[in-house]
């Protein structure tokens, strides 16, 4: 007789547990995965706290563009003059070049060295530098700059005879360079990633 009461107790407890489970499920709901919907009562609050990415006009405003152009002019002169080093090493501009451009410059310097040629470049100055385009690509900001500069340049052979160029004539050079910067990185440096001819 006592055994039958135990079974009844177990059945009653199971029924109570089942009832509580069904009540909780009715109140809390059933999770089937992320539904992608926000309840209407929370939607307004969510929109207030939702942080939208900064538009490019805020990241690269007029002040930033002026500062960028100052640095771009210095980088331009450094890279141009570094390319004329007689030891054929991109020393100063190494930290200013993206991998693609660095490899291209290095290959050109090695080719020049193999021919026993060297460049003489006298940088007169930059006549103008203007931002042509700027755009955000994923986590990078890319800025295209048109440079107009004056340079005296010539290539000489091992006997110091001029192979190309003119050692006395000032040449006006038009260059379009593309700089890039990782906007999420703490590194403030811009890299030259492309040259457009």
N, C-alpha and C. Protein backbone atom coordinates (compact mmCIF):
# COMPACT_ATOMS: atom_id res chain seq x y z
N UNK A 1 0.82 -1.20 0.00
CA UNK A 1 0.00 0.00 0.00
C UNK A 1 0.87 1.27 0.00
N UNK A 2 1.95 1.23 0.77
CA UNK A 2 2.85 2.38 0.86
C UNK A 2 3.54 2.63 -0.47
N UNK A 3 3.80 1.53 -1.24
CA UNK A 3 4.43 1.68 -2.55
C UNK A 3 3.54 2.45 -3.51
N UNK A 4 2.23 2.22 -3.47
CA UNK A 4 1.29 2.89 -4.36
C UNK A 4 1.27 4.39 -4.08
N UNK A 5 1.41 4.77 -2.77
CA UNK A 5 1.47 6.21 -2.44
C UNK A 5 2.72 6.86 -3.01
N UNK A 6 3.81 6.11 -3.00
CA UNK A 6 5.06 6.64 -3.56
C UNK A 6 4.92 6.91 -5.06
N UNK A 7 4.30 5.98 -5.78
CA UNK A 7 4.07 6.17 -7.21
C UNK A 7 3.19 7.38 -7.47
N UNK A 8 2.14 7.53 -6.63
CA UNK A 8 1.23 8.68 -6.78
C UNK A 8 2.00 9.98 -6.55
N UNK A 9 2.92 9.99 -5.55
CA UNK A 9 3.73 11.18 -5.26
C UNK A 9 4.61 11.54 -6.46
N UNK A 10 5.22 10.51 -7.05
CA UNK A 10 6.10 10.73 -8.20
C UNK A 10 5.31 11.29 -9.38
N UNK A 11 4.11 10.71 -9.61
CA UNK A 11 3.27 11.17 -10.72
C UNK A 11 2.83 12.61 -10.48
N UNK A 12 2.45 12.92 -9.23
CA UNK A 12 2.02 14.29 -8.90
C UNK A 12 3.17 15.28 -9.09
N UNK A 13 4.37 14.90 -8.64
CA UNK A 13 5.53 15.79 -8.79
C UNK A 13 5.86 16.01 -10.28
N UNK A 14 5.75 14.94 -11.06
CA UNK A 14 6.00 15.05 -12.50
C UNK A 14 4.99 15.96 -13.16
N UNK A 15 3.72 15.85 -12.73
CA UNK A 15 2.67 16.71 -13.29
C UNK A 15 2.90 18.18 -12.92
N UNK A 16 3.33 18.41 -11.67
CA UNK A 16 3.61 19.79 -11.22
C UNK A 16 4.79 20.36 -12.00
N UNK A 17 5.84 19.54 -12.17
CA UNK A 17 7.01 19.98 -12.93
C UNK A 17 6.63 20.30 -14.37
N UNK A 18 5.80 19.44 -14.96
CA UNK A 18 5.34 19.66 -16.34
C UNK A 18 4.52 20.94 -16.45
N UNK A 19 3.68 21.19 -15.46
CA UNK A 19 2.84 22.38 -15.44
C UNK A 19 3.72 23.64 -15.35
N UNK A 20 4.72 23.59 -14.44
CA UNK A 20 5.63 24.74 -14.27
C UNK A 20 6.41 24.99 -15.56
N UNK A 21 6.87 23.91 -16.19
CA UNK A 21 7.62 24.03 -17.45
C UNK A 21 6.78 24.70 -18.53
N UNK A 22 5.53 24.25 -18.67
CA UNK A 22 4.65 24.82 -19.69
C UNK A 22 4.34 26.29 -19.41
N UNK A 23 4.16 26.64 -18.12
CA UNK A 23 3.91 28.04 -17.74
C UNK A 23 5.12 28.92 -18.08
N UNK A 24 6.32 28.43 -17.73
CA UNK A 24 7.54 29.20 -18.01
C UNK A 24 7.74 29.38 -19.52
N UNK A 25 7.46 28.32 -20.25
CA UNK A 25 7.62 28.38 -21.71
C UNK A 25 6.65 29.40 -22.30
N UNK A 26 5.44 29.44 -21.75
CA UNK A 26 4.44 30.41 -22.21
C UNK A 26 4.84 31.84 -21.90
N UNK A 27 5.49 32.04 -20.75
CA UNK A 27 5.88 33.40 -20.34
C UNK A 27 7.16 33.84 -21.05
N UNK A 28 8.20 32.97 -21.01
CA UNK A 28 9.52 33.33 -21.56
C UNK A 28 9.64 33.09 -23.05
N UNK A 29 8.85 32.20 -23.58
CA UNK A 29 8.93 31.89 -25.00
C UNK A 29 9.94 30.79 -25.29
N UNK A 30 9.93 30.35 -26.52
CA UNK A 30 10.80 29.24 -26.93
C UNK A 30 11.90 29.79 -27.82
N UNK A 31 13.16 29.47 -27.51
CA UNK A 31 14.30 29.96 -28.31
C UNK A 31 14.57 28.98 -29.43
N UNK A 32 14.47 29.49 -30.64
CA UNK A 32 14.74 28.64 -31.81
C UNK A 32 15.95 29.14 -32.59
N UNK A 33 16.69 30.08 -32.03
CA UNK A 33 17.81 30.70 -32.72
C UNK A 33 17.57 32.19 -32.84
N UNK A 34 18.51 32.92 -33.41
CA UNK A 34 18.36 34.37 -33.53
C UNK A 34 17.31 34.69 -34.58
N UNK A 35 16.29 35.39 -34.16
CA UNK A 35 15.18 35.70 -35.06
C UNK A 35 15.46 36.96 -35.89
N UNK A 36 16.37 37.79 -35.40
CA UNK A 36 16.70 39.01 -36.13
C UNK A 36 15.65 40.10 -35.99
N UNK A 37 14.74 39.96 -35.02
CA UNK A 37 13.69 40.96 -34.82
C UNK A 37 13.80 41.53 -33.42
N UNK A 38 13.56 42.82 -33.32
CA UNK A 38 13.57 43.48 -32.01
C UNK A 38 12.13 43.80 -31.64
N UNK A 39 11.72 43.44 -30.41
CA UNK A 39 10.36 43.79 -30.00
C UNK A 39 10.12 45.29 -30.14
N UNK A 40 8.91 45.68 -30.56
CA UNK A 40 8.63 47.10 -30.83
C UNK A 40 8.95 48.03 -29.66
N UNK A 41 8.71 47.54 -28.41
CA UNK A 41 8.94 48.40 -27.25
C UNK A 41 10.41 48.71 -27.02
N UNK A 42 11.33 47.88 -27.62
CA UNK A 42 12.77 48.11 -27.45
C UNK A 42 13.41 48.75 -28.68
N UNK A 43 12.67 48.80 -29.79
CA UNK A 43 13.27 49.25 -31.05
C UNK A 43 13.80 50.68 -30.98
N UNK A 44 13.01 51.60 -30.37
CA UNK A 44 13.44 52.99 -30.27
C UNK A 44 14.69 53.13 -29.43
N UNK A 45 14.73 52.41 -28.32
CA UNK A 45 15.91 52.47 -27.45
C UNK A 45 17.14 51.88 -28.13
N UNK A 46 16.93 50.82 -28.90
CA UNK A 46 18.04 50.18 -29.61
C UNK A 46 18.63 51.14 -30.66
N UNK A 47 17.76 51.87 -31.35
CA UNK A 47 18.21 52.81 -32.37
C UNK A 47 19.04 53.93 -31.76
N UNK A 48 18.72 54.32 -30.52
CA UNK A 48 19.49 55.37 -29.83
C UNK A 48 20.90 54.90 -29.51
N UNK A 49 21.01 53.63 -29.11
CA UNK A 49 22.31 53.11 -28.68
C UNK A 49 23.11 52.49 -29.82
N UNK A 50 22.47 52.25 -30.95
CA UNK A 50 23.17 51.64 -32.08
C UNK A 50 24.17 52.64 -32.66
N UNK A 51 25.46 52.29 -32.66
CA UNK A 51 26.52 53.19 -33.11
C UNK A 51 26.78 52.95 -34.59
N UNK A 52 26.47 53.94 -35.39
CA UNK A 52 26.70 53.83 -36.83
C UNK A 52 28.16 54.20 -37.14
N UNK A 53 28.77 53.57 -38.16
CA UNK A 53 30.15 53.93 -38.52
C UNK A 53 30.22 55.38 -38.97
N UNK A 54 31.37 56.01 -38.67
CA UNK A 54 31.55 57.41 -39.05
C UNK A 54 31.62 57.53 -40.56
N UNK A 55 30.89 58.51 -41.13
CA UNK A 55 31.02 58.72 -42.57
C UNK A 55 32.42 59.23 -42.91
N UNK A 56 32.82 59.02 -44.16
CA UNK A 56 34.18 59.39 -44.57
C UNK A 56 34.43 60.89 -44.43
N UNK A 57 33.35 61.70 -44.55
CA UNK A 57 33.50 63.15 -44.40
C UNK A 57 33.94 63.54 -42.99
N UNK A 58 33.62 62.70 -42.01
CA UNK A 58 34.05 62.96 -40.63
C UNK A 58 35.47 62.43 -40.39
N UNK A 59 35.78 61.27 -40.99
CA UNK A 59 37.11 60.66 -40.81
C UNK A 59 38.18 61.50 -41.51
N UNK A 60 37.84 61.96 -42.72
CA UNK A 60 38.82 62.67 -43.55
C UNK A 60 38.26 64.05 -43.92
N UNK A 61 38.08 64.88 -42.89
CA UNK A 61 37.51 66.20 -43.09
C UNK A 61 38.55 67.16 -43.67
N UNK A 62 38.16 68.42 -43.80
CA UNK A 62 39.04 69.42 -44.44
C UNK A 62 40.37 69.59 -43.70
N UNK A 63 40.31 69.58 -42.37
CA UNK A 63 41.53 69.72 -41.56
C UNK A 63 42.44 68.52 -41.78
N UNK A 64 41.86 67.32 -41.77
CA UNK A 64 42.63 66.09 -42.00
C UNK A 64 43.26 66.09 -43.38
N UNK A 65 42.55 66.60 -44.37
CA UNK A 65 43.07 66.64 -45.74
C UNK A 65 44.28 67.57 -45.84
N UNK A 66 44.21 68.71 -45.16
CA UNK A 66 45.35 69.64 -45.17
C UNK A 66 46.58 69.02 -44.52
N UNK A 67 46.36 68.35 -43.38
CA UNK A 67 47.47 67.69 -42.68
C UNK A 67 48.04 66.56 -43.53
N UNK A 68 47.14 65.82 -44.19
CA UNK A 68 47.57 64.73 -45.05
C UNK A 68 48.46 65.24 -46.18
N UNK A 69 48.03 66.33 -46.84
CA UNK A 69 48.80 66.88 -47.97
C UNK A 69 50.19 67.33 -47.55
N UNK A 70 50.32 67.88 -46.34
CA UNK A 70 51.65 68.26 -45.84
C UNK A 70 52.56 67.04 -45.78
N UNK A 71 52.04 65.96 -45.20
CA UNK A 71 52.82 64.72 -45.10
C UNK A 71 53.07 64.08 -46.45
N UNK A 72 52.07 64.16 -47.35
CA UNK A 72 52.20 63.57 -48.69
C UNK A 72 53.31 64.24 -49.48
N UNK A 73 53.44 65.56 -49.33
CA UNK A 73 54.51 66.30 -50.03
C UNK A 73 55.89 65.86 -49.53
N UNK A 74 56.00 65.70 -48.22
CA UNK A 74 57.29 65.24 -47.64
C UNK A 74 57.61 63.83 -48.14
N UNK A 75 56.58 62.97 -48.13
CA UNK A 75 56.77 61.58 -48.59
C UNK A 75 57.18 61.55 -50.06
N UNK A 76 56.54 62.40 -50.86
CA UNK A 76 56.83 62.45 -52.31
C UNK A 76 58.30 62.81 -52.54
N UNK A 77 58.75 63.87 -51.89
CA UNK A 77 60.15 64.30 -52.05
C UNK A 77 61.12 63.23 -51.54
N UNK A 78 60.80 62.62 -50.39
CA UNK A 78 61.66 61.58 -49.81
C UNK A 78 61.82 60.40 -50.76
N UNK A 79 60.70 59.94 -51.31
CA UNK A 79 60.71 58.77 -52.19
C UNK A 79 61.45 59.08 -53.50
N UNK A 80 61.18 60.26 -54.07
CA UNK A 80 61.84 60.64 -55.33
C UNK A 80 63.36 60.73 -55.15
N UNK A 81 63.78 61.42 -54.10
CA UNK A 81 65.23 61.60 -53.90
C UNK A 81 65.90 60.28 -53.46
N UNK A 82 65.16 59.47 -52.71
CA UNK A 82 65.71 58.18 -52.27
C UNK A 82 65.96 57.26 -53.46
N UNK A 83 65.14 57.43 -54.49
CA UNK A 83 65.26 56.60 -55.69
C UNK A 83 66.54 56.91 -56.46
N UNK A 84 67.19 58.04 -56.13
CA UNK A 84 68.41 58.41 -56.84
C UNK A 84 69.67 58.02 -56.07
N UNK A 85 69.51 57.37 -54.91
CA UNK A 85 70.69 57.01 -54.11
C UNK A 85 71.67 56.17 -54.93
N UNK A 86 72.93 56.52 -54.83
CA UNK A 86 73.94 55.81 -55.60
C UNK A 86 74.17 54.38 -55.10
N UNK A 87 73.79 54.12 -53.84
CA UNK A 87 73.98 52.76 -53.32
C UNK A 87 72.80 51.84 -53.66
N UNK A 88 71.82 52.40 -54.42
CA UNK A 88 70.68 51.61 -54.89
C UNK A 88 69.90 50.93 -53.76
N UNK A 89 69.71 51.64 -52.68
CA UNK A 89 68.92 51.11 -51.56
C UNK A 89 67.82 52.09 -51.19
N UNK A 90 66.61 51.55 -51.07
CA UNK A 90 65.49 52.38 -50.63
C UNK A 90 65.50 52.41 -49.11
N UNK A 91 66.26 53.32 -48.55
CA UNK A 91 66.43 53.35 -47.09
C UNK A 91 65.36 54.20 -46.43
N UNK A 92 65.36 55.49 -46.73
CA UNK A 92 64.46 56.43 -46.06
C UNK A 92 62.99 56.15 -46.37
N UNK A 93 62.74 55.74 -47.62
CA UNK A 93 61.34 55.59 -48.04
C UNK A 93 60.77 54.19 -47.80
N UNK A 94 61.56 53.29 -47.23
CA UNK A 94 61.08 51.91 -47.05
C UNK A 94 59.80 51.84 -46.23
N UNK A 95 59.72 52.70 -45.20
CA UNK A 95 58.54 52.68 -44.33
C UNK A 95 57.36 53.43 -44.95
N UNK A 96 57.59 54.04 -46.12
CA UNK A 96 56.52 54.80 -46.78
C UNK A 96 55.89 54.04 -47.94
N UNK A 97 56.46 52.87 -48.26
CA UNK A 97 56.01 52.14 -49.44
C UNK A 97 55.24 50.87 -49.08
N UNK A 98 54.13 50.66 -49.80
CA UNK A 98 53.43 49.39 -49.71
C UNK A 98 54.26 48.32 -50.39
N UNK A 99 53.94 47.06 -50.17
CA UNK A 99 54.77 45.95 -50.68
C UNK A 99 54.89 45.98 -52.21
N UNK A 100 53.79 46.22 -52.90
CA UNK A 100 53.80 46.21 -54.37
C UNK A 100 54.76 47.27 -54.92
N UNK A 101 54.65 48.49 -54.40
CA UNK A 101 55.50 49.58 -54.89
C UNK A 101 56.95 49.37 -54.47
N UNK A 102 57.15 48.89 -53.25
CA UNK A 102 58.51 48.62 -52.78
C UNK A 102 59.20 47.61 -53.70
N UNK A 103 58.49 46.53 -54.03
CA UNK A 103 59.06 45.50 -54.92
C UNK A 103 59.38 46.07 -56.30
N UNK A 104 58.49 46.95 -56.81
CA UNK A 104 58.72 47.55 -58.14
C UNK A 104 59.94 48.46 -58.11
N UNK A 105 60.04 49.29 -57.07
CA UNK A 105 61.18 50.20 -56.94
C UNK A 105 62.49 49.42 -56.77
N UNK A 106 62.43 48.38 -55.97
CA UNK A 106 63.62 47.56 -55.71
C UNK A 106 64.09 46.89 -57.00
N UNK A 107 63.14 46.38 -57.77
CA UNK A 107 63.47 45.73 -59.05
C UNK A 107 64.12 46.72 -60.01
N UNK A 108 63.59 47.96 -60.06
CA UNK A 108 64.15 48.99 -60.95
C UNK A 108 65.57 49.37 -60.52
N UNK A 109 65.78 49.44 -59.19
CA UNK A 109 67.12 49.77 -58.68
C UNK A 109 68.12 48.66 -58.98
N UNK A 110 67.67 47.41 -58.84
CA UNK A 110 68.54 46.27 -59.13
C UNK A 110 68.90 46.22 -60.61
N UNK A 111 67.91 46.53 -61.47
CA UNK A 111 68.15 46.56 -62.91
C UNK A 111 69.17 47.65 -63.25
N UNK A 112 69.02 48.80 -62.61
CA UNK A 112 69.96 49.90 -62.81
C UNK A 112 71.37 49.52 -62.36
N UNK A 113 71.45 48.83 -61.23
CA UNK A 113 72.75 48.41 -60.70
C UNK A 113 73.42 47.38 -61.63
N UNK A 114 72.62 46.47 -62.17
CA UNK A 114 73.14 45.44 -63.08
C UNK A 114 73.73 46.06 -64.36
N UNK A 115 73.18 47.20 -64.75
CA UNK A 115 73.68 47.90 -65.95
C UNK A 115 74.81 48.86 -65.60
N UNK A 116 75.15 48.92 -64.31
CA UNK A 116 76.16 49.87 -63.81
C UNK A 116 75.77 51.32 -64.08
N UNK A 117 74.48 51.56 -64.00
CA UNK A 117 73.96 52.91 -64.17
C UNK A 117 73.60 53.49 -62.80
N UNK A 118 73.59 54.80 -62.72
CA UNK A 118 73.10 55.44 -61.51
C UNK A 118 72.37 56.72 -61.89
N UNK A 119 71.45 57.11 -61.01
CA UNK A 119 70.62 58.28 -61.30
C UNK A 119 71.10 59.49 -60.51
N UNK A 120 71.02 60.61 -61.16
CA UNK A 120 71.27 61.88 -60.48
C UNK A 120 69.96 62.66 -60.52
N UNK A 121 69.39 62.90 -59.36
CA UNK A 121 68.12 63.63 -59.28
C UNK A 121 68.28 64.82 -58.36
N UNK A 122 67.98 65.99 -58.90
CA UNK A 122 67.94 67.20 -58.09
C UNK A 122 66.49 67.62 -57.99
N UNK A 123 65.97 67.55 -56.78
CA UNK A 123 64.57 67.89 -56.56
C UNK A 123 64.45 69.40 -56.37
N UNK A 124 63.82 70.08 -57.32
CA UNK A 124 63.67 71.54 -57.25
C UNK A 124 62.54 71.91 -56.29
N UNK A 125 61.40 71.25 -56.45
CA UNK A 125 60.27 71.53 -55.56
C UNK A 125 58.95 71.08 -56.14
N UNK A 126 57.91 71.13 -55.30
CA UNK A 126 56.56 70.76 -55.71
C UNK A 126 55.80 72.02 -56.09
N UNK A 127 55.31 72.07 -57.32
CA UNK A 127 54.53 73.22 -57.76
C UNK A 127 53.10 73.15 -57.24
N UNK A 128 52.56 71.94 -57.22
CA UNK A 128 51.20 71.76 -56.67
C UNK A 128 50.98 70.32 -56.25
N UNK A 129 50.09 70.16 -55.29
CA UNK A 129 49.67 68.82 -54.83
C UNK A 129 48.20 68.93 -54.46
N UNK A 130 47.37 68.13 -55.10
CA UNK A 130 45.92 68.22 -54.87
C UNK A 130 45.31 66.82 -54.74
N UNK A 131 44.39 66.70 -53.80
CA UNK A 131 43.69 65.43 -53.62
C UNK A 131 42.69 65.27 -54.77
N UNK A 132 42.86 64.19 -55.49
CA UNK A 132 41.97 63.91 -56.63
C UNK A 132 40.72 63.16 -56.16
N UNK A 133 40.94 62.08 -55.43
CA UNK A 133 39.83 61.30 -54.86
C UNK A 133 40.22 60.77 -53.49
N UNK A 134 39.22 60.49 -52.69
CA UNK A 134 39.47 59.76 -51.44
C UNK A 134 38.26 58.89 -51.16
N UNK A 135 38.54 57.65 -50.78
CA UNK A 135 37.46 56.70 -50.54
C UNK A 135 37.85 55.69 -49.47
N UNK A 136 36.83 55.17 -48.81
CA UNK A 136 37.03 54.16 -47.78
C UNK A 136 36.77 52.80 -48.40
N UNK A 137 37.76 51.92 -48.29
CA UNK A 137 37.61 50.54 -48.79
C UNK A 137 37.86 49.61 -47.61
N UNK A 138 36.76 49.00 -47.14
CA UNK A 138 36.79 48.16 -45.93
C UNK A 138 37.39 48.96 -44.78
N UNK A 139 38.54 48.55 -44.25
CA UNK A 139 39.13 49.26 -43.10
C UNK A 139 40.23 50.24 -43.51
N UNK A 140 40.34 50.48 -44.81
CA UNK A 140 41.40 51.37 -45.29
C UNK A 140 40.82 52.62 -45.93
N UNK A 141 41.57 53.70 -45.80
CA UNK A 141 41.24 54.95 -46.48
C UNK A 141 42.27 55.14 -47.58
N UNK A 142 41.81 55.28 -48.82
CA UNK A 142 42.70 55.45 -49.96
C UNK A 142 42.54 56.85 -50.53
N UNK A 143 43.67 57.52 -50.71
CA UNK A 143 43.66 58.90 -51.20
C UNK A 143 44.56 58.99 -52.44
N UNK A 144 44.00 59.50 -53.52
CA UNK A 144 44.74 59.70 -54.76
C UNK A 144 45.14 61.17 -54.87
N UNK A 145 46.43 61.40 -55.09
CA UNK A 145 46.96 62.77 -55.14
C UNK A 145 47.64 63.03 -56.48
N UNK A 146 47.32 64.20 -57.04
CA UNK A 146 48.02 64.65 -58.26
C UNK A 146 49.15 65.59 -57.83
N UNK A 147 50.37 65.23 -58.22
CA UNK A 147 51.54 66.05 -57.93
C UNK A 147 52.07 66.67 -59.23
N UNK A 148 52.48 67.93 -59.14
CA UNK A 148 53.22 68.57 -60.22
C UNK A 148 54.50 69.07 -59.59
N UNK A 149 55.63 68.56 -60.06
CA UNK A 149 56.91 68.93 -59.45
C UNK A 149 57.93 69.31 -60.51
N UNK A 150 59.01 69.92 -60.05
CA UNK A 150 60.11 70.26 -60.94
C UNK A 150 61.36 69.53 -60.48
N UNK A 151 61.95 68.80 -61.41
CA UNK A 151 63.08 67.93 -61.09
C UNK A 151 64.13 68.01 -62.20
N UNK A 152 65.37 67.96 -61.82
CA UNK A 152 66.46 67.78 -62.79
C UNK A 152 66.91 66.33 -62.63
N UNK A 153 66.84 65.58 -63.69
CA UNK A 153 67.17 64.15 -63.58
C UNK A 153 67.91 63.64 -64.81
N UNK A 154 68.83 62.73 -64.55
CA UNK A 154 69.52 62.05 -65.64
C UNK A 154 70.09 60.72 -65.14
N UNK A 155 70.27 59.81 -66.06
CA UNK A 155 70.89 58.51 -65.76
C UNK A 155 72.27 58.49 -66.40
N UNK A 156 73.26 58.11 -65.60
CA UNK A 156 74.64 58.04 -66.10
C UNK A 156 75.18 56.62 -66.01
N UNK A 157 76.12 56.30 -66.88
CA UNK A 157 76.75 54.98 -66.83
C UNK A 157 77.96 55.03 -65.90
N UNK A 158 78.69 53.94 -65.85
CA UNK A 158 79.82 53.85 -64.91
C UNK A 158 80.93 54.85 -65.22
N UNK A 159 80.98 55.32 -66.49
CA UNK A 159 81.98 56.32 -66.88
C UNK A 159 81.45 57.75 -66.73
N UNK A 160 80.26 57.86 -66.08
CA UNK A 160 79.61 59.15 -65.82
C UNK A 160 79.14 59.86 -67.09
N UNK A 161 78.92 59.06 -68.13
CA UNK A 161 78.34 59.61 -69.34
C UNK A 161 76.82 59.51 -69.25
N UNK A 162 76.13 60.56 -69.70
CA UNK A 162 74.66 60.60 -69.61
C UNK A 162 74.04 59.62 -70.60
N UNK A 163 73.24 58.71 -70.07
CA UNK A 163 72.53 57.72 -70.88
C UNK A 163 71.16 58.26 -71.26
N UNK A 164 70.50 58.91 -70.30
CA UNK A 164 69.19 59.52 -70.56
C UNK A 164 69.00 60.71 -69.64
N UNK A 165 68.10 61.62 -70.05
CA UNK A 165 67.85 62.80 -69.25
C UNK A 165 68.81 63.92 -69.55
N UNK A 166 68.76 64.95 -68.73
CA UNK A 166 69.61 66.14 -68.92
C UNK A 166 70.01 66.65 -67.54
N UNK A 167 71.28 66.80 -67.32
CA UNK A 167 71.78 67.20 -66.00
C UNK A 167 71.61 68.69 -65.71
N UNK A 168 71.14 69.45 -66.72
CA UNK A 168 70.99 70.89 -66.52
C UNK A 168 69.56 71.40 -66.74
N UNK A 169 68.73 70.57 -67.37
CA UNK A 169 67.38 71.02 -67.72
C UNK A 169 66.38 70.67 -66.62
N UNK A 170 65.60 71.69 -66.21
CA UNK A 170 64.52 71.45 -65.22
C UNK A 170 63.32 70.87 -65.96
N UNK A 171 62.88 69.73 -65.46
CA UNK A 171 61.76 69.03 -66.09
C UNK A 171 60.53 69.11 -65.19
N UNK A 172 59.38 69.43 -65.78
CA UNK A 172 58.12 69.41 -65.03
C UNK A 172 57.54 68.00 -65.09
N UNK A 173 57.31 67.45 -63.91
CA UNK A 173 56.84 66.06 -63.81
C UNK A 173 55.42 66.03 -63.24
N UNK A 174 54.56 65.25 -63.90
CA UNK A 174 53.18 65.08 -63.44
C UNK A 174 53.03 63.65 -62.92
N UNK A 175 52.73 63.51 -61.65
CA UNK A 175 52.58 62.18 -61.04
C UNK A 175 51.22 62.08 -60.35
N UNK A 176 50.65 60.89 -60.40
CA UNK A 176 49.44 60.59 -59.63
C UNK A 176 49.75 59.39 -58.75
N UNK A 177 49.71 59.62 -57.45
CA UNK A 177 50.05 58.57 -56.49
C UNK A 177 48.85 58.25 -55.61
N UNK A 178 48.78 56.98 -55.22
CA UNK A 178 47.69 56.53 -54.34
C UNK A 178 48.29 56.13 -53.00
N UNK A 179 47.81 56.77 -51.94
CA UNK A 179 48.24 56.46 -50.58
C UNK A 179 47.12 55.72 -49.84
N UNK A 180 47.52 54.89 -48.89
CA UNK A 180 46.53 54.13 -48.12
C UNK A 180 46.91 54.11 -46.64
N UNK A 181 45.87 54.06 -45.81
CA UNK A 181 46.08 53.99 -44.36
C UNK A 181 45.00 53.12 -43.75
N UNK A 182 45.42 52.25 -42.81
CA UNK A 182 44.48 51.42 -42.06
C UNK A 182 43.87 52.29 -40.97
N UNK A 183 42.57 52.59 -41.07
CA UNK A 183 41.95 53.51 -40.12
C UNK A 183 41.74 52.88 -38.74
N UNK A 184 41.86 51.55 -38.67
CA UNK A 184 41.71 50.89 -37.37
C UNK A 184 43.05 50.72 -36.66
N UNK A 185 44.12 50.94 -37.37
CA UNK A 185 45.46 50.76 -36.81
C UNK A 185 45.88 52.02 -36.04
N UNK A 186 46.69 51.80 -35.01
CA UNK A 186 47.23 52.92 -34.23
C UNK A 186 48.42 53.57 -34.95
N UNK A 187 48.92 52.90 -36.00
CA UNK A 187 50.03 53.42 -36.78
C UNK A 187 49.54 54.60 -37.64
N UNK A 188 50.11 55.80 -37.45
CA UNK A 188 49.62 56.98 -38.18
C UNK A 188 50.15 57.07 -39.62
N UNK A 189 51.08 56.19 -40.01
CA UNK A 189 51.74 56.28 -41.30
C UNK A 189 50.82 55.92 -42.47
N UNK A 190 51.00 56.69 -43.54
CA UNK A 190 50.35 56.38 -44.81
C UNK A 190 51.38 55.65 -45.68
N UNK A 191 50.90 54.76 -46.54
CA UNK A 191 51.79 54.03 -47.44
C UNK A 191 51.43 54.35 -48.89
N UNK A 192 52.45 54.50 -49.71
CA UNK A 192 52.25 54.63 -51.15
C UNK A 192 51.97 53.24 -51.69
N UNK A 193 50.76 53.04 -52.23
CA UNK A 193 50.40 51.69 -52.69
C UNK A 193 50.29 51.57 -54.22
N UNK A 194 50.27 52.72 -54.91
CA UNK A 194 50.16 52.65 -56.38
C UNK A 194 50.60 53.98 -57.00
N UNK A 195 51.09 53.89 -58.22
CA UNK A 195 51.40 55.09 -59.01
C UNK A 195 50.66 54.94 -60.34
N UNK A 196 49.99 56.01 -60.74
CA UNK A 196 49.18 55.97 -61.96
C UNK A 196 49.84 56.84 -63.01
N UNK A 197 50.05 56.26 -64.17
CA UNK A 197 50.71 57.03 -65.25
C UNK A 197 49.70 57.39 -66.33
